[in-house]
Amino acid sequence: MKTTLEIPDPIFRQAKAKAAEQGIPLRQFVTEAVEGELRARPAVGQKPWLRLAGRLKHLRKETARINQSIEREFERIEPEEWV
């Protein structure tokens, strides 16, 4: 599909130079750049932080251990010391 885009001159020159460096047409460079941006951005309604949550699964046991340690320490503190 053909379309017309208005791109600021400095950005256009950078894009054209980068495409030339890579030995590809500007059309291909722009298409790949747009595809990359679309993949990088979450869809409407998605929570971007949710993508990272699964990568922290290996820390669950460590987090539980730390929380238990914190609870034990707080049990040792006298209520008067909280003020």
C-alpha atoms as a PDB file:
ATOM      1  CA  MET A   1       0.000   0.000   0.000  1.00  0.00           C
ATOM      2  CA  LYS A   2       1.261   3.452  -0.778  1.00  0.00           C
ATOM      3  CA  THR A   3       0.942   6.372   1.583  1.00  0.00           C
ATOM      4  CA  THR A   4       2.455   9.784   2.128  1.00  0.00           C
ATOM      5  CA  LEU A   5       4.194  10.593   5.388  1.00  0.00           C
ATOM      6  CA  GLU A   6       5.471  13.901   6.629  1.00  0.00           C
ATOM      7  CA  ILE A   7       8.816  13.271   8.345  1.00  0.00           C
ATOM      8  CA  PRO A   8      11.033  16.067   9.694  1.00  0.00           C
ATOM      9  CA  ASP A   9      14.060  16.608   7.442  1.00  0.00           C
ATOM     10  CA  PRO A  10      16.734  15.636  10.013  1.00  0.00           C
ATOM     11  CA  ILE A  11      14.970  12.337  10.798  1.00  0.00           C
ATOM     12  CA  PHE A  12      14.433  11.619   7.107  1.00  0.00           C
ATOM     13  CA  ARG A  13      18.139  12.159   6.391  1.00  0.00           C
ATOM     14  CA  GLN A  14      19.142   9.896   9.294  1.00  0.00           C
ATOM     15  CA  ALA A  15      16.742   7.164   8.156  1.00  0.00           C
ATOM     16  CA  LYS A  16      17.945   7.390   4.565  1.00  0.00           C
ATOM     17  CA  ALA A  17      21.593   7.221   5.678  1.00  0.00           C
ATOM     18  CA  LYS A  18      20.917   4.227   7.962  1.00  0.00           C
ATOM     19  CA  ALA A  19      19.111   2.404   5.161  1.00  0.00           C
ATOM     20  CA  ALA A  20      22.064   3.067   2.839  1.00  0.00           C
ATOM     21  CA  GLU A  21      24.507   1.788   5.501  1.00  0.00           C
ATOM     22  CA  GLN A  22      22.489  -1.429   5.718  1.00  0.00           C
ATOM     23  CA  GLY A  23      22.207  -1.667   1.929  1.00  0.00           C
ATOM     24  CA  ILE A  24      18.415  -1.720   1.946  1.00  0.00           C
ATOM     25  CA  PRO A  25      15.824   0.584   0.393  1.00  0.00           C
ATOM     26  CA  LEU A  26      14.349   3.316   2.581  1.00  0.00           C
ATOM     27  CA  ARG A  27      10.931   1.649   2.155  1.00  0.00           C
ATOM     28  CA  GLN A  28      12.244  -1.567   3.761  1.00  0.00           C
ATOM     29  CA  PHE A  29      14.012   0.357   6.540  1.00  0.00           C
ATOM     30  CA  VAL A  30      10.827   2.248   7.447  1.00  0.00           C
ATOM     31  CA  THR A  31       8.714  -0.922   7.290  1.00  0.00           C
ATOM     32  CA  GLU A  32      11.086  -2.772   9.632  1.00  0.00           C
ATOM     33  CA  ALA A  33      11.221   0.205  12.004  1.00  0.00           C
ATOM     34  CA  VAL A  34       7.417   0.374  12.203  1.00  0.00           C
ATOM     35  CA  GLU A  35       7.162  -3.409  12.707  1.00  0.00           C
ATOM     36  CA  GLY A  36       9.692  -3.226  15.532  1.00  0.00           C
ATOM     37  CA  GLU A  37       7.815  -0.398  17.212  1.00  0.00           C
ATOM     38  CA  LEU A  38       4.516  -2.270  16.945  1.00  0.00           C
ATOM     39  CA  ARG A  39       6.038  -5.353  18.564  1.00  0.00           C
ATOM     40  CA  ALA A  40       7.638  -3.305  21.348  1.00  0.00           C
ATOM     41  CA  ARG A  41       4.470  -1.500  22.420  1.00  0.00           C
ATOM     42  CA  PRO A  42       1.758  -3.327  24.362  1.00  0.00           C
ATOM     43  CA  ALA A  43      -1.743  -3.547  22.939  1.00  0.00           C
ATOM     44  CA  VAL A  44      -4.371  -1.226  24.409  1.00  0.00           C
ATOM     45  CA  GLY A  45      -5.533  -2.567  27.757  1.00  0.00           C
ATOM     46  CA  GLN A  46      -2.442  -4.694  28.357  1.00  0.00           C
ATOM     47  CA  LYS A  47      -0.249  -4.023  31.338  1.00  0.00           C
ATOM     48  CA  PRO A  48       3.360  -3.641  30.129  1.00  0.00           C
ATOM     49  CA  TRP A  49       4.801  -4.708  33.479  1.00  0.00           C
ATOM     50  CA  LEU A  50       2.954  -8.024  33.186  1.00  0.00           C
ATOM     51  CA  ARG A  51       5.404  -9.170  30.476  1.00  0.00           C
ATOM     52  CA  LEU A  52       8.192  -9.040  33.043  1.00  0.00           C
ATOM     53  CA  ALA A  53       6.343 -10.797  35.859  1.00  0.00           C
ATOM     54  CA  GLY A  54       6.911 -14.282  34.470  1.00  0.00           C
ATOM     55  CA  ARG A  55      10.651 -13.711  34.358  1.00  0.00           C
ATOM     56  CA  LEU A  56      10.745 -13.275  38.135  1.00  0.00           C
ATOM     57  CA  LYS A  57       9.214 -16.663  38.909  1.00  0.00           C
ATOM     58  CA  HIS A  58      12.569 -18.051  40.032  1.00  0.00           C
ATOM     59  CA  LEU A  59      12.619 -15.490  42.882  1.00  0.00           C
ATOM     60  CA  ARG A  60       9.402 -16.635  44.586  1.00  0.00           C
ATOM     61  CA  LYS A  61      11.144 -18.879  47.139  1.00  0.00           C
ATOM     62  CA  GLU A  62      13.706 -16.187  47.902  1.00  0.00           C
ATOM     63  CA  THR A  63      10.966 -13.578  48.329  1.00  0.00           C
ATOM     64  CA  ALA A  64       9.072 -15.882  50.713  1.00  0.00           C
ATOM     65  CA  ARG A  65      12.266 -16.456  52.720  1.00  0.00           C
ATOM     66  CA  ILE A  66      12.917 -12.718  52.995  1.00  0.00           C
ATOM     67  CA  ASN A  67       9.310 -12.023  54.024  1.00  0.00           C
ATOM     68  CA  GLN A  68       9.530 -14.665  56.769  1.00  0.00           C
ATOM     69  CA  SER A  69      12.724 -13.100  58.033  1.00  0.00           C
ATOM     70  CA  ILE A  70      11.102  -9.669  58.126  1.00  0.00           C
ATOM     71  CA  GLU A  71       8.079 -11.047  59.992  1.00  0.00           C
ATOM     72  CA  ARG A  72      10.326 -12.694  62.599  1.00  0.00           C
ATOM     73  CA  GLU A  73      12.195  -9.439  63.171  1.00  0.00           C
ATOM     74  CA  PHE A  74       8.996  -7.417  63.536  1.00  0.00           C
ATOM     75  CA  GLU A  75       7.684  -9.911  66.092  1.00  0.00           C
ATOM     76  CA  ARG A  76      10.732  -9.097  68.225  1.00  0.00           C
ATOM     77  CA  ILE A  77      10.038  -5.360  68.257  1.00  0.00           C
ATOM     78  CA  GLU A  78       8.103  -4.107  71.252  1.00  0.00           C
ATOM     79  CA  PRO A  79       5.026  -1.955  70.443  1.00  0.00           C
ATOM     80  CA  GLU A  80       6.505   0.947  72.485  1.00  0.00           C
ATOM     81  CA  GLU A  81       9.471   1.059  70.133  1.00  0.00           C
ATOM     82  CA  TRP A  82       7.198   1.749  67.142  1.00  0.00           C
ATOM     83  CA  VAL A  83       6.387   5.260  68.357  1.00  0.00           C
END
